[in-house]
Structures are given as structure tokens and as C-alpha cells.
Amino acid sequence: MVDADQTFVIVGGGLAGAKAAETLRSEGFSGRVILICDERDHPYERPPLSKGYLLGKEERDSVFVHEPAWYARNDVELHLGQTVVAIDRTAKTVRYGDDGTVVRYDKLLIATGAEPRRLDVPGTDLLGVHHLRRLAHAERLKGVLASLGRDNGHLVIAGGGWIGLEVAAAAREYGAEVTVVEPEPTPLHGVLGPELGGLFADLHREHGVRFHFGARLTEITGQDGMVLAARTDDGEEHLAHDVLAAIGAAPRVALAEAAGLELAHRSRGGGIMVDEQLRTSDPDIYAAGDVARLRHPLFGRLRVEHWANALNGGPVAARAMLGQDVTYDRVPYFFSDQYDLGMEYSGWAPPGAYDHVVVRGDAGKREFVAFWVKEGQVLAGMNVNVWDVTEPIQRLIKERVVVDTEALADPHVPLEELIA
């Protein structure tokens, strides 16, 4: 039975928000839990949108965090297709929906996620220009890729990051022709650096993907409202029937900004500033998932746009809202599947943060573990087609062990032996 004396409101119906609602109930919270989602679909997980669901290997229902009946059964008041338009911190209320419904909160969680960055070039209003962030985007793109495959059509992807490469792999499996336009010299350059970005370029080239590095899209041309080609700033033109913008995502901070919460500057990645408990500059408001720029005990300030951050951050925020003494100190983690390559990445090692990369195994066969190392300490590790090593990799990172890099590179030395 719900005790109406306390009301916790969650804004955002992604994985972080849904897991926070689940945690509030599992931890025994008996007050009102209100979950407000601006999408009409029930809360769902996003990785399948560029992986299994996009490929047609997973059913639509498999993406949802909970079955629809779960929310009513657990007394979670779910409002779908409703947008929160204002937070009044003085009155402790949120206003949402077309009719301006106002609800008071005792604690508030902002889990509004991120939105795709838009191409700022002529031609983006043509049919055939796509983004991939929401389930509706994936449903549309799934049909597009199947059609391109049947008709030997061409897809141009702006951006060689994880989303761009995963869609490229899916498109090739459907049989579409694919060109990736990327301003850096390799794909994934900002994550993997020059040392390993080329490995993913080789993987995709082997499957027929064409790359155009060192260039940006400047125009999408068309006829009768349909895409015909994509032009780049170095004068090249690529045949295109469809274009995917995969140039990153921006945290959805407009609501928090209007409410006067402290934000990170856009030049630093943006996001709502939170402490180790995911609490914002207002002690009764928390933020989790893609929108939160947290103070991590290992890595300092960072904002993480990955599934595991939402999966783990939502529950931590919920427990903090309940007054529990919790700290969000999870090592950042994400995974990717492309063709026959599967990988997991743990840690945080942006360009300039590390001295060198140590490779254990055979990178040529794409069966290896790579470590980004600074002064003998592992900042990040990526296992490629090598499994059951995430736990020791994360321990190496978390415990800041100074390692013998020769032993680190030797597959015959168990990683557990390197942990003091």
C-alpha cells in the first residue's frame, strides 16, 4: 500500500529512471513513485537499437526494462508521452504534459539522457536522413537497411564512433553499400587512440565498408525530397540513398538549466554536475545516466554515455534519495559487437591521459586484451574476443596497481597475479 506522505518523482523513462523506480520499491520505499517519460514506449534499453534489434536477431519486446504490467503491480505511476516542462525548486514541484499538470516532490531524479547531435549542413530536411537514439528511430532504420540491402543501395554514415560502426556492420549484414565519413584519422580515435582505431578500420574494410577519413559532411543533396549524395569539405561526393548522422550525443540539460542547477560547460562535455552520491547542487534533486557529470573517486569529473552507467547509476541515485550512505564509484564499462568481433572496455583513458598501450595476445587475429597505462598503472582495458577477464581488469584499474608491463603483456601470466 502506498503511503502518500512522501513523493519521489523521476523525470526520464530510460534505463536509469526505470532501474531507480525498481530500486526504490525493492528497498522498501512506500511513498508515491512517479515516473514521467516523454516517449510513448515503456522504458527500454538502448544497446539493442544498434545491435540485436537492428539486425533483426532480437524481438521488439526484448528491449523493455520491465513488462508493461510491472509498473502498476509495483505502484509506480507511469506517465508515457508526457514532457516535463518546468521544475520549481522553491515550491518543489514539476509541471508536465499538455495540460500543465503539477505534482509536488520530496526528492527528484533527473534522468533525461542525451539526444543525437544534429548535422548542421544543407539537406538535413530530406527524406532519408536519420539519427539513432530512440526505439522509433531503430524501427525506421531497420526497414531502411533491409531495403538498401535488397536494392544495392548506399548508406553514408557521418561519424566513426561506436554507433556509426555498429550501424555500418548491421548495414553490411543486410547487404547495403556503406561509406563512413570521419574527420579523425581512424574510427574511434577519441576512445581508442591511434594505436587501436586502425584495427576497427581494417575489420570493416574486410567486410566491404569504405572510409573517408579527415573529412566532414558539408552538404546532402537530393531531388524530389530524396537523398542523392553526400558532399564533404575536401570536395568529394559520395552516392547516397540514405544518410545516418552519428556524430555524438549531447546531454539533455535544458530542464536542469532552466531550474538553475549547476551544469558543466559544453566545452567539457556538458551535463548536470553531481557529487559521489549523484546529488546535484540542490540537495533534494539527483541526476543519473547520460545527463550526469559525476565526481568519480578514480577519474575525477566525467560524463559517461553507456548502458552500464545507466544500469548502475539509477539504483545508486535511488538509494541516495532514501538517505543511504552510498557512493557511485563503478569503473566505466561498455561493450560492442561488430560482425564476429565482440569487445568489452573498462576504465577511462582519453587521449593524452596515458603513456602507452600494452597488448596481451594477438591483435592480428583480433584475440587480445589492450591496456592503456600511465606510470605503470592501468587506466583502461579492452578485451577483444577474449572473455571472462572483465573482473580482473576492473580490479587492476580500481586498485591502481603498479604493474610489470612485461608481465601485463604476457598471456601466460594470469591477470589475477598482477593484483597486489
Protein backbone atom coordinates (compact mmCIF):
# COMPACT_ATOMS: atom_id res chain seq x y z
CA MET A 1 0.00 0.00 0.00
CA VAL A 2 1.34 3.42 -0.96
CA ASP A 3 1.99 5.99 1.75
CA ALA A 4 1.23 9.34 0.11
CA ASP A 5 3.19 11.34 2.71
CA GLN A 6 6.31 11.19 0.53
CA THR A 7 6.53 11.54 -3.23
CA PHE A 8 9.62 10.76 -5.32
CA VAL A 9 9.48 11.91 -8.93
CA ILE A 10 11.68 10.52 -11.70
CA VAL A 11 11.97 12.51 -14.93
CA GLY A 12 13.10 10.33 -17.81
CA GLY A 13 11.95 6.89 -18.89
CA GLY A 14 15.21 5.28 -19.92
CA LEU A 15 17.16 2.55 -18.17
CA ALA A 16 18.41 4.80 -15.34
CA GLY A 17 14.92 6.02 -14.48
CA ALA A 18 13.33 2.59 -14.66
CA LYS A 19 16.04 0.98 -12.51
CA ALA A 20 15.74 3.79 -9.98
CA ALA A 21 11.99 3.14 -9.66
CA GLU A 22 12.65 -0.57 -9.28
CA THR A 23 15.26 0.08 -6.58
CA LEU A 24 13.00 2.40 -4.59
CA ARG A 25 10.43 -0.37 -4.31
CA SER A 26 12.95 -3.15 -3.66
CA GLU A 27 14.48 -1.04 -0.85
CA GLY A 28 11.08 -0.75 0.80
CA PHE A 29 10.08 2.80 -0.10
CA SER A 30 6.32 3.03 0.45
CA GLY A 31 5.67 6.54 -0.81
CA ARG A 32 4.48 7.60 -4.24
CA VAL A 33 6.83 6.90 -7.14
CA ILE A 34 6.04 8.91 -10.26
CA LEU A 35 7.94 8.14 -13.46
CA ILE A 36 7.42 10.64 -16.30
CA CYS A 37 8.58 9.66 -19.81
CA ASP A 38 8.44 11.82 -22.92
CA GLU A 39 8.33 8.72 -25.15
CA ARG A 40 5.17 6.69 -25.65
CA ASP A 41 7.01 3.39 -25.32
CA HIS A 42 7.61 1.83 -21.93
CA PRO A 43 11.17 2.31 -20.60
CA TYR A 44 13.65 0.33 -22.68
CA GLU A 45 17.35 -0.38 -23.05
CA ARG A 46 19.23 1.27 -25.90
CA PRO A 47 22.09 -1.13 -26.85
CA PRO A 48 19.80 -3.42 -28.92
CA LEU A 49 18.84 -0.43 -31.08
CA SER A 50 22.22 -0.61 -32.84
CA LYS A 51 22.86 -4.29 -32.23
CA GLY A 52 20.47 -7.25 -31.98
CA TYR A 53 17.18 -5.50 -32.62
CA LEU A 54 18.52 -3.52 -35.57
CA LEU A 55 19.84 -6.76 -37.05
CA GLY A 56 16.50 -8.49 -36.62
CA LYS A 57 18.01 -11.00 -34.18
CA GLU A 58 16.05 -9.77 -31.16
CA GLU A 59 12.32 -9.19 -30.84
CA ARG A 60 10.93 -5.75 -30.08
CA ASP A 61 9.63 -6.79 -26.67
CA SER A 62 13.13 -7.85 -25.60
CA VAL A 63 14.30 -4.25 -25.30
CA PHE A 64 11.97 -3.24 -22.46
CA VAL A 65 13.32 -2.94 -18.91
CA HIS A 66 10.14 -4.36 -17.38
CA GLU A 67 6.98 -5.89 -18.76
CA PRO A 68 4.22 -3.26 -19.00
CA ALA A 69 2.22 -4.72 -16.09
CA TRP A 70 5.22 -4.36 -13.74
CA TYR A 71 4.62 -0.65 -13.15
CA ALA A 72 1.04 -0.93 -11.90
CA ARG A 73 1.91 -4.06 -9.94
CA ASN A 74 4.63 -2.14 -8.11
CA ASP A 75 2.60 1.04 -7.66
CA VAL A 76 4.80 3.07 -9.98
CA GLU A 77 2.73 5.85 -11.54
CA LEU A 78 3.92 5.78 -15.13
CA HIS A 79 3.13 8.72 -17.42
CA LEU A 80 4.08 7.96 -21.02
CA GLY A 81 4.30 10.53 -23.79
CA GLN A 82 4.44 13.35 -21.24
CA THR A 83 7.16 16.00 -21.19
CA VAL A 84 8.24 17.78 -18.03
CA VAL A 85 8.31 21.47 -18.90
CA ALA A 86 9.44 23.05 -15.62
CA ILE A 87 10.90 22.40 -12.21
CA ASP A 88 10.07 24.84 -9.41
CA ARG A 89 12.75 24.26 -6.79
CA THR A 90 11.19 26.66 -4.29
CA ALA A 91 7.78 25.01 -4.37
CA LYS A 92 9.38 21.60 -5.02
CA THR A 93 7.09 20.85 -7.94
CA VAL A 94 7.36 19.67 -11.52
CA ARG A 95 4.96 20.65 -14.28
CA TYR A 96 4.36 18.25 -17.14
CA GLY A 97 2.05 17.37 -20.01
CA ASP A 98 -0.07 19.43 -22.39
CA ASP A 99 -2.48 20.29 -19.59
CA GLY A 100 0.25 21.58 -17.27
CA THR A 101 -0.25 19.03 -14.51
CA VAL A 102 1.71 19.99 -11.38
CA VAL A 103 2.97 17.45 -8.85
CA ARG A 104 4.94 18.09 -5.69
CA TYR A 105 8.09 16.09 -4.90
CA ASP A 106 10.12 15.37 -1.80
CA LYS A 107 13.01 14.03 -3.88
CA LEU A 108 13.51 14.38 -7.62
CA LEU A 109 15.68 12.37 -10.01
CA ILE A 110 16.57 13.80 -13.42
CA ALA A 111 17.39 11.01 -15.87
CA THR A 112 16.68 12.77 -19.15
CA GLY A 113 19.58 11.16 -21.02
CA ALA A 114 21.11 12.59 -24.16
CA GLU A 115 19.99 13.43 -27.68
CA PRO A 116 21.77 12.96 -31.01
CA ARG A 117 23.83 15.86 -32.24
CA ARG A 118 22.40 17.21 -35.47
CA LEU A 119 24.24 17.76 -38.71
CA ASP A 120 24.35 21.49 -39.36
CA VAL A 121 24.54 21.26 -43.15
CA PRO A 122 22.16 21.88 -46.03
CA GLY A 123 19.94 18.94 -46.91
CA THR A 124 19.17 17.54 -43.48
CA ASP A 125 15.46 18.07 -44.15
CA LEU A 126 15.48 15.47 -46.94
CA LEU A 127 13.81 12.11 -46.52
CA GLY A 128 16.49 9.54 -45.87
CA VAL A 129 18.45 11.49 -43.23
CA HIS A 130 18.44 9.51 -39.98
CA HIS A 131 19.51 9.57 -36.34
CA LEU A 132 19.58 6.64 -33.96
CA ARG A 133 18.64 7.21 -30.37
CA ARG A 134 15.07 6.07 -29.83
CA LEU A 135 13.18 2.88 -30.49
CA ALA A 136 11.20 4.60 -33.23
CA HIS A 137 14.49 5.54 -34.94
CA ALA A 138 15.66 1.91 -34.82
CA GLU A 139 12.35 0.63 -36.23
CA ARG A 140 12.61 3.02 -39.14
CA LEU A 141 16.31 2.35 -39.76
CA LYS A 142 15.77 -1.40 -39.65
CA GLY A 143 13.39 -1.14 -42.61
CA VAL A 144 15.75 1.24 -44.41
CA LEU A 145 18.71 -1.14 -44.12
CA ALA A 146 16.66 -4.07 -45.37
CA SER A 147 15.52 -2.00 -48.34
CA LEU A 148 19.05 -0.80 -49.13
CA GLY A 149 20.27 -4.39 -48.99
CA ARG A 150 17.61 -5.56 -51.44
CA ASP A 151 18.25 -2.72 -53.86
CA ASN A 152 22.05 -2.47 -53.58
CA GLY A 153 21.53 0.96 -52.03
CA HIS A 154 24.15 3.20 -50.45
CA LEU A 155 24.28 4.42 -46.87
CA VAL A 156 26.63 7.24 -45.87
CA ILE A 157 27.38 7.44 -42.15
CA ALA A 158 28.69 10.69 -40.69
CA GLY A 159 30.82 9.63 -37.74
CA GLY A 160 33.07 6.69 -37.00
CA GLY A 161 32.22 6.20 -33.33
CA TRP A 162 30.53 3.19 -31.73
CA ILE A 163 27.05 3.90 -33.10
CA GLY A 164 28.39 4.63 -36.58
CA LEU A 165 30.41 1.41 -36.68
CA GLU A 166 27.67 -0.78 -35.25
CA VAL A 167 25.20 0.52 -37.82
CA ALA A 168 27.81 0.06 -40.54
CA ALA A 169 28.17 -3.60 -39.51
CA ALA A 170 24.40 -4.07 -39.48
CA ALA A 171 24.03 -2.40 -42.87
CA ARG A 172 26.65 -4.68 -44.40
CA GLU A 173 24.89 -7.73 -42.96
CA TYR A 174 21.74 -6.56 -44.74
CA GLY A 175 23.80 -6.14 -47.92
CA ALA A 176 23.83 -2.34 -48.16
CA GLU A 177 26.79 -0.39 -49.52
CA VAL A 178 28.36 1.71 -46.75
CA THR A 179 30.67 4.72 -46.63
CA VAL A 180 31.78 6.19 -43.28
CA VAL A 181 32.92 9.82 -43.23
CA GLU A 182 35.08 10.61 -40.19
CA PRO A 183 37.18 13.75 -39.50
CA GLU A 184 39.79 11.88 -37.44
CA PRO A 185 42.47 9.64 -39.00
CA THR A 186 40.87 6.44 -37.63
CA PRO A 187 37.47 5.36 -36.32
CA LEU A 188 37.04 5.53 -32.54
CA HIS A 189 40.04 7.83 -32.40
CA GLY A 190 38.85 9.70 -29.32
CA VAL A 191 38.33 6.48 -27.35
CA LEU A 192 40.98 4.05 -28.57
CA GLY A 193 43.55 6.48 -29.89
CA PRO A 194 45.68 5.91 -32.99
CA GLU A 195 47.05 2.67 -31.58
CA LEU A 196 43.88 0.60 -31.98
CA GLY A 197 41.46 2.66 -34.05
CA GLY A 198 43.04 1.28 -37.20
CA LEU A 199 42.19 -2.27 -36.14
CA PHE A 200 38.48 -1.43 -36.41
CA ALA A 201 39.03 0.25 -39.77
CA ASP A 202 40.64 -2.96 -41.05
CA LEU A 203 37.78 -5.06 -39.67
CA HIS A 204 35.18 -3.01 -41.51
CA ARG A 205 37.17 -2.78 -44.72
CA GLU A 206 37.34 -6.59 -44.78
CA HIS A 207 33.54 -6.53 -44.77
CA GLY A 208 33.28 -4.02 -47.57
CA VAL A 209 32.91 -0.71 -45.73
CA ARG A 210 34.58 2.31 -47.33
CA PHE A 211 36.11 5.03 -45.14
CA HIS A 212 36.72 8.67 -45.90
CA PHE A 213 38.95 9.98 -43.12
CA GLY A 214 39.97 13.55 -42.45
CA ALA A 215 36.72 14.99 -43.80
CA ARG A 216 33.30 16.23 -42.71
CA LEU A 217 29.97 16.33 -44.47
CA THR A 218 29.16 19.79 -45.79
CA GLU A 219 26.00 19.11 -47.79
CA ILE A 220 23.42 16.43 -48.51
CA THR A 221 21.98 16.80 -51.99
CA GLY A 222 18.73 15.40 -53.25
CA GLN A 223 15.92 15.50 -55.75
CA ASP A 224 12.16 15.48 -55.16
CA GLY A 225 12.84 15.41 -51.41
CA MET A 226 15.00 12.28 -51.57
CA VAL A 227 18.72 11.93 -50.79
CA LEU A 228 21.05 11.52 -53.78
CA ALA A 229 24.56 12.22 -52.49
CA ALA A 230 26.68 13.50 -49.61
CA ARG A 231 29.46 16.03 -50.13
CA THR A 232 32.49 16.60 -47.91
CA ASP A 233 34.67 19.59 -47.14
CA ASP A 234 37.53 18.28 -49.30
CA GLY A 235 35.40 18.29 -52.44
CA GLU A 236 34.45 14.61 -52.55
CA GLU A 237 30.93 13.41 -53.33
CA HIS A 238 29.54 10.06 -52.23
CA LEU A 239 26.50 8.39 -53.72
CA ALA A 240 23.87 8.05 -51.00
CA HIS A 241 20.29 6.90 -50.79
CA ASP A 242 20.27 7.41 -47.02
CA VAL A 243 22.49 9.25 -44.53
CA LEU A 244 22.94 8.47 -40.83
CA ALA A 245 24.17 11.23 -38.53
CA ALA A 246 26.26 9.50 -35.84
CA ILE A 247 28.32 12.44 -34.63
CA GLY A 248 27.74 12.02 -30.92
CA ALA A 249 25.13 12.96 -28.37
CA ALA A 250 24.51 15.97 -26.15
CA PRO A 251 23.12 15.72 -22.61
CA ARG A 252 19.53 16.91 -22.29
CA VAL A 253 20.09 19.64 -19.72
CA ALA A 254 17.53 22.29 -20.72
CA LEU A 255 15.20 21.41 -17.85
CA ALA A 256 18.03 21.49 -15.29
CA GLU A 257 19.43 24.70 -16.76
CA ALA A 258 16.07 26.46 -16.52
CA ALA A 259 15.82 25.31 -12.89
CA GLY A 260 19.20 26.89 -12.09
CA LEU A 261 21.09 23.69 -11.32
CA GLU A 262 24.88 23.73 -11.72
CA LEU A 263 25.98 22.46 -15.14
CA ALA A 264 29.31 21.57 -16.69
CA HIS A 265 30.42 23.78 -19.54
CA ARG A 266 29.63 22.48 -23.01
CA SER A 267 33.34 22.56 -23.91
CA ARG A 268 33.91 19.92 -21.22
CA GLY A 269 31.10 17.66 -22.39
CA GLY A 270 28.26 19.34 -20.55
CA GLY A 271 25.93 17.57 -18.15
CA ILE A 272 24.42 18.19 -14.73
CA MET A 273 27.09 18.42 -12.05
CA VAL A 274 26.61 15.78 -9.34
CA ASP A 275 28.65 14.52 -6.40
CA GLU A 276 29.60 10.95 -5.48
CA GLN A 277 26.01 10.31 -4.40
CA LEU A 278 24.68 11.67 -7.72
CA ARG A 279 23.23 14.67 -5.89
CA THR A 280 23.03 17.96 -7.80
CA SER A 281 23.62 21.47 -6.46
CA ASP A 282 20.12 21.17 -4.97
CA PRO A 283 20.19 18.62 -2.10
CA ASP A 284 16.73 17.29 -3.00
CA ILE A 285 17.48 16.77 -6.70
CA TYR A 286 19.63 13.97 -8.15
CA ALA A 287 20.76 13.11 -11.67
CA ALA A 288 21.84 9.80 -13.20
CA GLY A 289 22.69 8.27 -16.56
CA ASP A 290 23.91 10.11 -19.66
CA VAL A 291 22.88 13.52 -18.35
CA ALA A 292 25.00 13.41 -15.16
CA ARG A 293 28.57 14.67 -14.94
CA LEU A 294 29.77 12.92 -11.82
CA ARG A 295 32.68 13.35 -9.47
CA HIS A 296 34.32 9.95 -9.72
CA PRO A 297 36.81 8.96 -6.98
CA LEU A 298 39.19 7.43 -9.58
CA PHE A 299 38.81 9.58 -12.65
CA GLY A 300 37.66 12.97 -11.42
CA ARG A 301 34.88 14.70 -13.34
CA LEU A 302 33.43 12.71 -16.21
CA ARG A 303 30.17 12.05 -18.02
CA VAL A 304 29.59 8.52 -19.29
CA GLU A 305 27.14 7.75 -22.11
CA HIS A 306 26.92 3.99 -21.80
CA TRP A 307 24.42 1.33 -20.80
CA ALA A 308 26.24 0.23 -17.63
CA ASN A 309 26.29 3.78 -16.29
CA ALA A 310 22.50 3.96 -16.50
CA LEU A 311 22.10 0.41 -15.19
CA ASN A 312 24.21 1.11 -12.10
CA GLY A 313 23.65 4.82 -11.64
CA GLY A 314 19.87 4.70 -11.35
CA PRO A 315 19.93 2.36 -8.33
CA VAL A 316 22.68 4.38 -6.60
CA ALA A 317 20.67 7.58 -7.03
CA ALA A 318 17.57 5.84 -5.65
CA ARG A 319 19.42 4.66 -2.56
CA ALA A 320 20.89 8.13 -2.04
CA MET A 321 17.39 9.61 -2.29
CA LEU A 322 16.39 7.24 0.51
CA GLY A 323 19.18 8.63 2.69
CA GLN A 324 21.52 5.66 2.41
CA ASP A 325 25.28 6.22 2.56
CA VAL A 326 26.25 5.24 -0.97
CA THR A 327 28.99 6.25 -3.40
CA TYR A 328 28.96 5.87 -7.16
CA ASP A 329 32.42 4.50 -7.88
CA ARG A 330 31.78 1.96 -10.63
CA VAL A 331 34.51 1.65 -13.24
CA PRO A 332 33.03 2.84 -16.57
CA TYR A 333 32.18 -0.12 -18.81
CA PHE A 334 30.73 -0.65 -22.26
CA PHE A 335 30.61 -3.33 -24.92
CA SER A 336 30.22 -3.62 -28.66
CA ASP A 337 29.51 -6.35 -31.21
CA GLN A 338 30.54 -5.89 -34.84
CA TYR A 339 30.47 -8.86 -37.25
CA ASP A 340 32.40 -11.64 -35.46
CA LEU A 341 34.17 -9.23 -33.12
CA GLY A 342 32.96 -8.79 -29.58
CA MET A 343 34.64 -6.45 -27.14
CA GLU A 344 34.35 -5.03 -23.65
CA TYR A 345 36.01 -1.85 -22.45
CA SER A 346 36.56 -0.86 -18.83
CA GLY A 347 38.04 2.35 -17.48
CA TRP A 348 38.69 5.84 -18.77
CA ALA A 349 41.73 6.82 -20.84
CA PRO A 350 41.06 9.81 -23.10
CA PRO A 351 43.80 10.95 -25.49
CA GLY A 352 46.73 12.43 -23.61
CA ALA A 353 45.89 10.66 -20.36
CA TYR A 354 48.14 7.62 -20.90
CA ASP A 355 51.80 6.91 -21.69
CA HIS A 356 51.42 3.86 -23.90
CA VAL A 357 49.24 0.87 -24.80
CA VAL A 358 50.20 -2.67 -23.79
CA VAL A 359 48.76 -5.52 -25.87
CA ARG A 360 48.36 -9.04 -24.48
CA GLY A 361 47.56 -11.65 -27.11
CA ASP A 362 47.33 -11.50 -30.89
CA ALA A 363 45.90 -8.22 -32.20
CA GLY A 364 46.27 -9.53 -35.77
CA LYS A 365 43.85 -12.36 -35.03
CA ARG A 366 41.66 -9.99 -33.03
CA GLU A 367 42.01 -12.06 -29.88
CA PHE A 368 43.72 -9.84 -27.34
CA VAL A 369 43.46 -7.54 -24.37
CA ALA A 370 44.77 -3.97 -24.62
CA PHE A 371 45.71 -1.86 -21.61
CA TRP A 372 46.11 1.91 -21.51
CA VAL A 373 48.88 2.53 -18.99
CA LYS A 374 50.30 5.61 -17.24
CA GLU A 375 53.34 5.37 -14.97
CA GLY A 376 52.78 1.65 -14.60
CA GLN A 377 49.12 1.95 -13.63
CA VAL A 378 46.28 0.64 -15.78
CA LEU A 379 43.74 3.33 -16.65
CA ALA A 380 41.63 1.25 -19.04
CA GLY A 381 41.47 -2.19 -20.58
CA MET A 382 39.71 -3.59 -23.65
CA ASN A 383 39.24 -7.31 -24.22
CA VAL A 384 38.55 -8.31 -27.82
CA ASN A 385 37.20 -11.84 -28.38
CA VAL A 386 38.72 -12.78 -25.02
CA TRP A 387 36.18 -13.41 -22.30
CA ASP A 388 35.79 -13.63 -18.53
CA VAL A 389 38.52 -11.08 -17.82
CA THR A 390 36.44 -8.00 -17.02
CA GLU A 391 36.64 -8.51 -13.26
CA PRO A 392 40.47 -8.64 -13.01
CA ILE A 393 40.79 -5.77 -15.50
CA GLN A 394 38.49 -3.63 -13.38
CA ARG A 395 40.39 -4.58 -10.23
CA LEU A 396 43.68 -3.52 -11.84
CA ILE A 397 42.09 -0.19 -12.65
CA LYS A 398 40.30 0.33 -9.34
CA GLU A 399 43.16 -0.68 -7.08
CA ARG A 400 45.68 1.44 -9.02
CA VAL A 401 48.20 -1.39 -9.02
CA VAL A 402 51.64 -0.56 -10.43
CA VAL A 403 52.24 -3.45 -12.80
CA ASP A 404 55.19 -5.03 -14.57
CA THR A 405 54.28 -4.21 -18.17
CA GLU A 406 56.14 -7.25 -19.49
CA ALA A 407 54.02 -9.50 -17.29
CA LEU A 408 50.94 -7.50 -18.30
CA ALA A 409 51.67 -8.30 -21.95
CA ASP A 410 52.29 -12.00 -21.31
CA PRO A 411 49.12 -14.12 -21.82
CA HIS A 412 50.69 -16.89 -19.73
CA VAL A 413 50.68 -14.70 -16.61
CA PRO A 414 47.19 -14.69 -15.06
CA LEU A 415 45.90 -11.18 -14.58
CA GLU A 416 44.97 -12.06 -11.01
CA GLU A 417 48.68 -12.49 -10.20
CA LEU A 418 49.33 -8.87 -11.10
CA ILE A 419 46.90 -7.59 -8.48
CA ALA A 420 48.69 -6.98 -5.20
